[in-house]
N, C-alpha and C. Protein backbone atom coordinates (compact mmCIF):
# COMPACT_ATOMS: atom_id res chain seq x y z
N MET A 1 -142.96 156.20 -84.18
CA MET A 1 -143.92 156.76 -83.26
C MET A 1 -144.22 155.74 -82.16
N ASN A 2 -144.14 156.19 -80.93
CA ASN A 2 -144.48 155.32 -79.80
C ASN A 2 -145.99 155.32 -79.64
N ARG A 3 -146.54 154.15 -79.63
CA ARG A 3 -147.99 154.01 -79.46
C ARG A 3 -148.23 153.23 -78.18
N PHE A 4 -148.99 153.82 -77.29
CA PHE A 4 -149.31 153.17 -76.04
C PHE A 4 -150.59 152.37 -76.20
N ASP A 5 -150.60 151.20 -75.59
CA ASP A 5 -151.79 150.36 -75.62
C ASP A 5 -152.44 150.44 -74.24
N PHE A 6 -153.58 151.11 -74.18
CA PHE A 6 -154.28 151.29 -72.92
C PHE A 6 -155.33 150.20 -72.65
N THR A 7 -155.36 149.18 -73.49
CA THR A 7 -156.36 148.13 -73.35
C THR A 7 -156.37 147.49 -71.96
N PRO A 8 -155.21 147.13 -71.39
CA PRO A 8 -155.26 146.53 -70.05
C PRO A 8 -155.88 147.46 -69.00
N TYR A 9 -155.64 148.75 -69.15
CA TYR A 9 -156.20 149.71 -68.19
C TYR A 9 -157.68 149.92 -68.42
N ARG A 10 -158.09 149.92 -69.68
CA ARG A 10 -159.51 150.09 -69.98
C ARG A 10 -160.34 148.92 -69.44
N ARG A 11 -159.75 147.73 -69.36
CA ARG A 11 -160.47 146.56 -68.86
C ARG A 11 -160.70 146.62 -67.37
N THR A 12 -159.85 147.34 -66.64
CA THR A 12 -159.93 147.32 -65.18
C THR A 12 -160.34 148.65 -64.57
N THR A 13 -160.72 149.63 -65.38
CA THR A 13 -161.14 150.92 -64.85
C THR A 13 -162.51 151.29 -65.41
N VAL A 14 -163.20 152.12 -64.68
CA VAL A 14 -164.52 152.59 -65.10
C VAL A 14 -164.52 154.11 -65.04
N GLY A 15 -164.97 154.74 -66.11
CA GLY A 15 -165.12 156.19 -66.11
C GLY A 15 -163.88 156.96 -66.53
N PHE A 16 -162.83 156.28 -66.98
CA PHE A 16 -161.60 156.95 -67.39
C PHE A 16 -161.46 157.02 -68.91
N ASP A 17 -162.55 156.74 -69.63
CA ASP A 17 -162.50 156.74 -71.09
C ASP A 17 -161.99 158.06 -71.64
N ARG A 18 -162.46 159.17 -71.08
CA ARG A 18 -162.04 160.48 -71.55
C ARG A 18 -160.53 160.66 -71.41
N LEU A 19 -159.97 160.20 -70.30
CA LEU A 19 -158.53 160.32 -70.07
C LEU A 19 -157.74 159.50 -71.09
N PHE A 20 -158.14 158.26 -71.32
CA PHE A 20 -157.43 157.43 -72.29
C PHE A 20 -157.57 157.97 -73.71
N ASP A 21 -158.76 158.45 -74.06
CA ASP A 21 -158.95 159.06 -75.38
C ASP A 21 -158.06 160.28 -75.54
N LEU A 22 -157.96 161.08 -74.49
CA LEU A 22 -157.11 162.27 -74.51
C LEU A 22 -155.65 161.90 -74.73
N LEU A 23 -155.16 160.91 -74.00
CA LEU A 23 -153.77 160.49 -74.14
C LEU A 23 -153.48 159.96 -75.55
N GLU A 24 -154.39 159.16 -76.09
CA GLU A 24 -154.21 158.64 -77.43
C GLU A 24 -154.25 159.75 -78.48
N ARG A 25 -155.17 160.71 -78.31
CA ARG A 25 -155.28 161.83 -79.25
C ARG A 25 -154.02 162.70 -79.21
N GLN A 26 -153.49 162.94 -78.01
CA GLN A 26 -152.27 163.73 -77.88
C GLN A 26 -151.07 163.03 -78.52
N ALA A 27 -150.99 161.72 -78.36
CA ALA A 27 -149.88 160.97 -78.96
C ALA A 27 -149.93 161.07 -80.48
N ARG A 28 -151.14 160.99 -81.06
CA ARG A 28 -151.27 161.14 -82.51
C ARG A 28 -150.94 162.55 -82.96
N ALA A 29 -151.43 163.55 -82.24
CA ALA A 29 -151.24 164.96 -82.63
C ALA A 29 -149.78 165.38 -82.52
N ASN A 30 -149.07 164.86 -81.54
CA ASN A 30 -147.68 165.28 -81.32
C ASN A 30 -146.68 164.47 -82.13
N ALA A 31 -147.15 163.56 -82.94
CA ALA A 31 -146.26 162.73 -83.74
C ALA A 31 -145.64 163.51 -84.88
N GLY A 32 -146.24 164.61 -85.27
CA GLY A 32 -145.77 165.35 -86.43
C GLY A 32 -145.02 166.61 -86.07
N ASP A 33 -145.63 167.73 -86.35
CA ASP A 33 -144.99 169.03 -86.27
C ASP A 33 -144.74 169.48 -84.83
N ASN A 34 -143.56 170.00 -84.58
CA ASN A 34 -143.21 170.53 -83.27
C ASN A 34 -143.00 172.03 -83.31
N TYR A 35 -143.69 172.72 -84.20
CA TYR A 35 -143.54 174.16 -84.35
C TYR A 35 -144.81 174.85 -83.89
N PRO A 36 -144.71 175.89 -83.13
CA PRO A 36 -143.52 176.44 -82.49
C PRO A 36 -143.19 175.67 -81.21
N PRO A 37 -141.92 175.71 -80.81
CA PRO A 37 -141.55 175.04 -79.56
C PRO A 37 -142.20 175.74 -78.37
N PHE A 38 -142.43 174.98 -77.30
CA PHE A 38 -143.10 175.55 -76.13
C PHE A 38 -142.63 174.89 -74.85
N ASN A 39 -142.87 175.56 -73.74
CA ASN A 39 -142.64 175.04 -72.40
C ASN A 39 -143.94 175.09 -71.63
N ILE A 40 -144.12 174.16 -70.71
CA ILE A 40 -145.23 174.21 -69.76
C ILE A 40 -144.59 174.11 -68.38
N GLU A 41 -144.91 175.08 -67.53
CA GLU A 41 -144.32 175.07 -66.19
C GLU A 41 -145.39 175.27 -65.13
N ARG A 42 -145.12 174.76 -63.96
CA ARG A 42 -145.99 175.00 -62.80
C ARG A 42 -145.40 176.22 -62.11
N SER A 43 -146.22 177.26 -61.96
CA SER A 43 -145.73 178.49 -61.33
C SER A 43 -146.28 178.67 -59.92
N GLY A 44 -147.07 177.73 -59.45
CA GLY A 44 -147.62 177.75 -58.10
C GLY A 44 -148.40 176.48 -57.87
N ASP A 45 -149.04 176.36 -56.71
CA ASP A 45 -149.80 175.15 -56.40
C ASP A 45 -150.92 174.92 -57.40
N GLU A 46 -151.61 175.98 -57.80
CA GLU A 46 -152.75 175.86 -58.71
C GLU A 46 -152.59 176.77 -59.92
N SER A 47 -151.36 177.10 -60.28
CA SER A 47 -151.15 177.98 -61.43
C SER A 47 -150.06 177.43 -62.34
N TYR A 48 -150.23 177.71 -63.63
CA TYR A 48 -149.34 177.17 -64.66
C TYR A 48 -149.03 178.26 -65.67
N ARG A 49 -147.97 178.05 -66.44
CA ARG A 49 -147.62 178.99 -67.51
C ARG A 49 -147.18 178.18 -68.73
N ILE A 50 -147.75 178.55 -69.87
CA ILE A 50 -147.33 178.00 -71.16
C ILE A 50 -146.56 179.10 -71.87
N THR A 51 -145.37 178.78 -72.36
CA THR A 51 -144.55 179.75 -73.09
C THR A 51 -144.27 179.18 -74.47
N LEU A 52 -144.65 179.93 -75.51
CA LEU A 52 -144.41 179.52 -76.89
C LEU A 52 -143.40 180.47 -77.52
N ALA A 53 -142.45 179.94 -78.27
CA ALA A 53 -141.48 180.75 -78.99
C ALA A 53 -142.09 181.14 -80.34
N VAL A 54 -142.54 182.38 -80.45
CA VAL A 54 -143.24 182.85 -81.65
C VAL A 54 -142.52 184.06 -82.25
N ALA A 55 -141.21 183.95 -82.41
CA ALA A 55 -140.42 185.05 -82.95
C ALA A 55 -140.97 185.49 -84.30
N GLY A 56 -141.09 186.79 -84.47
CA GLY A 56 -141.57 187.34 -85.74
C GLY A 56 -143.07 187.57 -85.78
N PHE A 57 -143.81 187.03 -84.84
CA PHE A 57 -145.25 187.22 -84.80
C PHE A 57 -145.58 188.43 -83.93
N LYS A 58 -146.55 189.21 -84.36
CA LYS A 58 -147.06 190.33 -83.58
C LYS A 58 -148.33 189.88 -82.86
N ALA A 59 -148.75 190.65 -81.88
CA ALA A 59 -149.95 190.29 -81.11
C ALA A 59 -151.16 190.11 -82.01
N GLU A 60 -151.29 190.94 -83.04
CA GLU A 60 -152.45 190.82 -83.93
C GLU A 60 -152.38 189.62 -84.87
N ASP A 61 -151.23 188.95 -84.93
CA ASP A 61 -151.07 187.75 -85.75
C ASP A 61 -151.46 186.48 -84.99
N ILE A 62 -151.71 186.61 -83.68
CA ILE A 62 -151.94 185.45 -82.83
C ILE A 62 -153.36 185.49 -82.28
N ASP A 63 -154.02 184.33 -82.31
CA ASP A 63 -155.38 184.19 -81.79
C ASP A 63 -155.37 183.11 -80.72
N ILE A 64 -155.82 183.47 -79.52
CA ILE A 64 -155.89 182.53 -78.39
C ILE A 64 -157.36 182.31 -78.07
N THR A 65 -157.80 181.05 -78.11
CA THR A 65 -159.19 180.72 -77.82
C THR A 65 -159.23 179.69 -76.70
N ALA A 66 -159.94 180.05 -75.63
CA ALA A 66 -160.11 179.13 -74.50
C ALA A 66 -161.54 178.64 -74.49
N GLN A 67 -161.69 177.32 -74.55
CA GLN A 67 -162.99 176.67 -74.46
C GLN A 67 -162.94 175.76 -73.24
N GLN A 68 -164.03 175.10 -72.97
CA GLN A 68 -164.02 174.16 -71.85
C GLN A 68 -163.02 173.05 -72.13
N ASN A 69 -162.04 172.91 -71.28
CA ASN A 69 -161.00 171.88 -71.35
C ASN A 69 -160.11 171.95 -72.57
N LEU A 70 -160.08 173.08 -73.29
CA LEU A 70 -159.24 173.18 -74.47
C LEU A 70 -158.75 174.61 -74.65
N LEU A 71 -157.46 174.74 -74.92
CA LEU A 71 -156.85 176.02 -75.24
C LEU A 71 -156.24 175.88 -76.63
N VAL A 72 -156.62 176.77 -77.55
CA VAL A 72 -156.11 176.73 -78.91
C VAL A 72 -155.36 178.03 -79.18
N VAL A 73 -154.11 177.90 -79.61
CA VAL A 73 -153.29 179.06 -79.95
C VAL A 73 -152.96 178.95 -81.44
N LYS A 74 -153.39 179.97 -82.22
CA LYS A 74 -153.15 179.98 -83.66
C LYS A 74 -152.33 181.22 -84.01
N GLY A 75 -151.43 181.04 -84.94
CA GLY A 75 -150.65 182.17 -85.45
C GLY A 75 -150.67 182.15 -86.96
N GLN A 76 -150.95 183.30 -87.54
CA GLN A 76 -150.99 183.42 -89.00
C GLN A 76 -150.42 184.78 -89.38
N LYS A 77 -149.32 184.77 -90.12
CA LYS A 77 -148.71 186.02 -90.56
C LYS A 77 -149.13 186.31 -91.99
N PRO A 78 -149.42 187.58 -92.29
CA PRO A 78 -149.74 187.93 -93.68
C PRO A 78 -148.49 187.79 -94.55
N GLU A 79 -148.71 187.37 -95.77
CA GLU A 79 -147.59 187.22 -96.71
C GLU A 79 -147.08 188.60 -97.13
N PRO A 80 -145.79 188.85 -96.97
CA PRO A 80 -145.26 190.15 -97.40
C PRO A 80 -145.25 190.23 -98.93
N THR A 81 -145.77 191.34 -99.43
CA THR A 81 -145.84 191.52 -100.88
C THR A 81 -144.80 192.51 -101.38
N ASP A 82 -144.15 193.22 -100.47
CA ASP A 82 -143.21 194.25 -100.88
C ASP A 82 -141.75 193.81 -100.81
N ARG A 83 -141.51 192.51 -100.67
CA ARG A 83 -140.14 192.00 -100.54
C ARG A 83 -139.90 190.86 -101.51
N GLU A 84 -138.66 190.79 -101.97
CA GLU A 84 -138.23 189.67 -102.81
C GLU A 84 -137.10 188.97 -102.09
N TYR A 85 -137.39 187.77 -101.59
CA TYR A 85 -136.40 187.03 -100.82
C TYR A 85 -135.53 186.20 -101.75
N LEU A 86 -134.22 186.22 -101.49
CA LEU A 86 -133.29 185.35 -102.19
C LEU A 86 -133.09 184.05 -101.43
N HIS A 87 -133.29 184.09 -100.11
CA HIS A 87 -133.21 182.91 -99.26
C HIS A 87 -134.17 183.11 -98.10
N VAL A 88 -134.94 182.10 -97.77
CA VAL A 88 -135.85 182.16 -96.63
C VAL A 88 -135.45 181.05 -95.66
N GLY A 89 -134.81 181.45 -94.55
CA GLY A 89 -134.38 180.49 -93.54
C GLY A 89 -135.12 180.65 -92.23
N ILE A 90 -135.86 181.73 -92.11
CA ILE A 90 -136.65 181.98 -90.90
C ILE A 90 -138.07 181.52 -91.17
N ALA A 91 -138.57 180.68 -90.30
CA ALA A 91 -139.92 180.15 -90.48
C ALA A 91 -140.93 181.28 -90.49
N ASN A 92 -141.75 181.30 -91.49
CA ASN A 92 -142.78 182.33 -91.63
C ASN A 92 -144.15 181.68 -91.78
N ARG A 93 -144.25 180.48 -91.31
CA ARG A 93 -145.48 179.72 -91.50
C ARG A 93 -146.43 179.91 -90.31
N GLY A 94 -147.67 179.66 -90.58
CA GLY A 94 -148.67 179.70 -89.52
C GLY A 94 -148.59 178.46 -88.67
N PHE A 95 -149.27 178.49 -87.56
CA PHE A 95 -149.26 177.34 -86.66
C PHE A 95 -150.57 177.27 -85.90
N GLU A 96 -150.81 176.10 -85.34
CA GLU A 96 -151.92 175.89 -84.42
C GLU A 96 -151.47 174.89 -83.37
N ARG A 97 -151.54 175.31 -82.12
CA ARG A 97 -151.20 174.44 -80.98
C ARG A 97 -152.44 174.27 -80.13
N ARG A 98 -152.71 173.03 -79.72
CA ARG A 98 -153.86 172.73 -78.87
C ARG A 98 -153.35 172.17 -77.55
N PHE A 99 -153.91 172.67 -76.47
CA PHE A 99 -153.57 172.20 -75.14
C PHE A 99 -154.85 171.77 -74.44
N GLU A 100 -154.90 170.53 -74.01
CA GLU A 100 -156.05 170.03 -73.26
C GLU A 100 -155.90 170.53 -71.82
N LEU A 101 -156.95 171.11 -71.29
CA LEU A 101 -156.92 171.66 -69.94
C LEU A 101 -157.75 170.79 -69.00
N ALA A 102 -157.31 170.68 -67.78
CA ALA A 102 -158.06 169.95 -66.76
C ALA A 102 -159.31 170.74 -66.40
N ASP A 103 -160.23 170.10 -65.74
CA ASP A 103 -161.44 170.78 -65.29
C ASP A 103 -161.05 171.95 -64.39
N PHE A 104 -161.78 173.04 -64.52
CA PHE A 104 -161.65 174.24 -63.70
C PHE A 104 -160.36 175.02 -63.94
N VAL A 105 -159.64 174.73 -65.02
CA VAL A 105 -158.46 175.53 -65.37
C VAL A 105 -158.91 176.60 -66.36
N ARG A 106 -158.55 177.84 -66.05
CA ARG A 106 -158.94 178.96 -66.92
C ARG A 106 -157.72 179.80 -67.25
N VAL A 107 -157.80 180.52 -68.37
CA VAL A 107 -156.73 181.42 -68.78
C VAL A 107 -156.86 182.69 -67.95
N GLU A 108 -155.78 183.07 -67.31
CA GLU A 108 -155.78 184.27 -66.48
C GLU A 108 -155.23 185.47 -67.26
N ALA A 109 -154.17 185.26 -68.05
CA ALA A 109 -153.55 186.37 -68.78
C ALA A 109 -152.69 185.82 -69.90
N ALA A 110 -152.41 186.67 -70.88
CA ALA A 110 -151.49 186.32 -71.97
C ALA A 110 -150.66 187.56 -72.28
N ASP A 111 -149.39 187.33 -72.63
CA ASP A 111 -148.50 188.44 -72.93
C ASP A 111 -147.52 188.01 -74.01
N LEU A 112 -147.11 188.96 -74.84
CA LEU A 112 -146.13 188.71 -75.90
C LEU A 112 -144.99 189.69 -75.72
N ALA A 113 -143.78 189.17 -75.47
CA ALA A 113 -142.61 190.02 -75.30
C ALA A 113 -141.37 189.25 -75.74
N ASP A 114 -140.51 189.92 -76.47
CA ASP A 114 -139.23 189.35 -76.90
C ASP A 114 -139.39 188.04 -77.65
N GLY A 115 -140.44 187.90 -78.43
CA GLY A 115 -140.66 186.71 -79.23
C GLY A 115 -141.22 185.53 -78.47
N LEU A 116 -141.59 185.75 -77.20
CA LEU A 116 -142.17 184.68 -76.39
C LEU A 116 -143.59 185.04 -75.99
N LEU A 117 -144.51 184.14 -76.29
CA LEU A 117 -145.91 184.29 -75.89
C LEU A 117 -146.08 183.51 -74.60
N THR A 118 -146.49 184.19 -73.53
CA THR A 118 -146.74 183.52 -72.26
C THR A 118 -148.23 183.55 -71.97
N ILE A 119 -148.75 182.41 -71.57
CA ILE A 119 -150.16 182.27 -71.23
C ILE A 119 -150.22 181.73 -69.81
N ASP A 120 -150.78 182.53 -68.90
CA ASP A 120 -150.89 182.13 -67.51
C ASP A 120 -152.25 181.47 -67.28
N LEU A 121 -152.22 180.32 -66.63
CA LEU A 121 -153.42 179.55 -66.34
C LEU A 121 -153.55 179.38 -64.84
N VAL A 122 -154.78 179.30 -64.37
CA VAL A 122 -155.02 179.07 -62.95
C VAL A 122 -156.15 178.06 -62.80
N ARG A 123 -156.02 177.21 -61.80
CA ARG A 123 -157.05 176.21 -61.53
C ARG A 123 -157.85 176.69 -60.33
N GLU A 124 -159.15 176.88 -60.54
CA GLU A 124 -160.05 177.34 -59.48
C GLU A 124 -161.20 176.35 -59.34
N VAL A 125 -161.14 175.55 -58.32
CA VAL A 125 -162.19 174.56 -58.08
C VAL A 125 -163.33 175.28 -57.34
N PRO A 126 -164.56 175.20 -57.87
CA PRO A 126 -165.69 175.84 -57.19
C PRO A 126 -165.90 175.25 -55.79
N GLU A 127 -166.40 176.08 -54.90
CA GLU A 127 -166.62 175.67 -53.52
C GLU A 127 -167.47 174.40 -53.44
N ALA A 128 -168.48 174.29 -54.29
CA ALA A 128 -169.37 173.13 -54.28
C ALA A 128 -168.65 171.84 -54.67
N MET A 129 -167.52 171.94 -55.36
CA MET A 129 -166.79 170.75 -55.83
C MET A 129 -165.67 170.34 -54.88
N LYS A 130 -165.38 171.16 -53.86
CA LYS A 130 -164.29 170.83 -52.94
C LYS A 130 -164.72 169.67 -52.05
N PRO A 131 -163.76 168.85 -51.60
CA PRO A 131 -164.10 167.71 -50.76
C PRO A 131 -164.75 168.15 -49.44
N LYS A 132 -165.71 167.37 -48.98
CA LYS A 132 -166.39 167.64 -47.72
C LYS A 132 -166.34 166.39 -46.87
N LYS A 133 -166.18 166.59 -45.58
CA LYS A 133 -166.12 165.47 -44.65
C LYS A 133 -167.51 165.25 -44.07
N VAL A 134 -167.96 164.01 -44.10
CA VAL A 134 -169.27 163.66 -43.57
C VAL A 134 -169.06 163.11 -42.16
N LEU A 135 -169.76 163.70 -41.19
CA LEU A 135 -169.66 163.25 -39.81
C LEU A 135 -170.60 162.07 -39.58
N ILE A 136 -170.17 161.14 -38.74
CA ILE A 136 -170.97 159.96 -38.43
C ILE A 136 -171.73 160.22 -37.13
N GLY A 137 -172.97 159.77 -37.07
CA GLY A 137 -173.70 159.87 -35.82
C GLY A 137 -175.01 160.61 -35.92
N GLY A 138 -175.72 160.50 -37.00
CA GLY A 138 -177.05 161.06 -37.10
C GLY A 138 -177.10 162.54 -37.39
N GLN A 139 -175.99 163.22 -37.34
CA GLN A 139 -175.98 164.64 -37.66
C GLN A 139 -175.66 164.81 -39.13
N ASN A 140 -176.30 165.74 -39.77
CA ASN A 140 -176.06 166.00 -41.18
C ASN A 140 -175.15 167.20 -41.38
N GLN A 141 -174.20 167.39 -40.48
CA GLN A 141 -173.26 168.49 -40.63
C GLN A 141 -172.11 168.04 -41.52
N LEU A 142 -171.66 168.94 -42.36
CA LEU A 142 -170.53 168.66 -43.24
C LEU A 142 -169.39 169.60 -42.88
N LYS A 143 -168.19 169.13 -43.05
CA LYS A 143 -167.01 169.97 -42.86
C LYS A 143 -166.33 170.14 -44.21
N VAL A 144 -165.95 171.36 -44.53
CA VAL A 144 -165.21 171.63 -45.75
C VAL A 144 -163.73 171.44 -45.46
N ILE A 145 -163.07 170.69 -46.30
CA ILE A 145 -161.66 170.40 -46.12
C ILE A 145 -160.87 171.33 -47.02
N GLU A 146 -160.01 172.17 -46.43
CA GLU A 146 -159.11 173.03 -47.20
C GLU A 146 -157.75 172.92 -46.58
N GLY A 147 -156.87 172.16 -47.19
CA GLY A 147 -155.53 171.98 -46.63
C GLY A 147 -155.61 171.34 -45.27
N ASP A 148 -155.02 172.01 -44.24
CA ASP A 148 -155.03 171.48 -42.89
C ASP A 148 -156.17 172.05 -42.06
N ASN A 149 -156.87 173.06 -42.59
CA ASN A 149 -157.95 173.70 -41.83
C ASN A 149 -159.28 173.04 -42.14
N THR A 150 -160.11 172.83 -41.12
CA THR A 150 -161.46 172.34 -41.33
C THR A 150 -162.41 173.28 -40.63
N ALA A 151 -163.53 173.55 -41.27
CA ALA A 151 -164.54 174.45 -40.71
C ALA A 151 -165.90 173.82 -40.88
N ALA A 152 -166.75 173.94 -39.91
CA ALA A 152 -168.10 173.37 -39.99
C ALA A 152 -168.92 174.14 -40.99
N ALA A 153 -169.69 173.43 -41.80
CA ALA A 153 -170.53 174.09 -42.80
C ALA A 153 -171.91 174.32 -42.26
């Protein structure tokens, strides 16, 4: 297991404790089980998609919970009682995957098709949190910065 030592960074930064704790927690959590496999992709400037390979699971077998800065995906299949298996090679086990989300990232939609669970995420920064330009010269006017456009507030 690769273990990162963030001590040099912790000595020279202030207010990044949550980030370093998150990185260390993720390194510990990902050291073990890699089931089910997943992809994370950027689908736009402020949108993302997580795709999990959950073959054999139905929508009612999967629970998706979004909390502040955390997305938890759990899958639990009921044990079949009407079958006698001679060999079990297809994974039939439950799982739990946790994804740490950045501030202002919310789940927009989830879909299950062809054994793939897709979860669409979007980042929406509230207007009050967007950067503002402060003008110099005794005026208390602020400008909201959005890309290349600026508008007086």
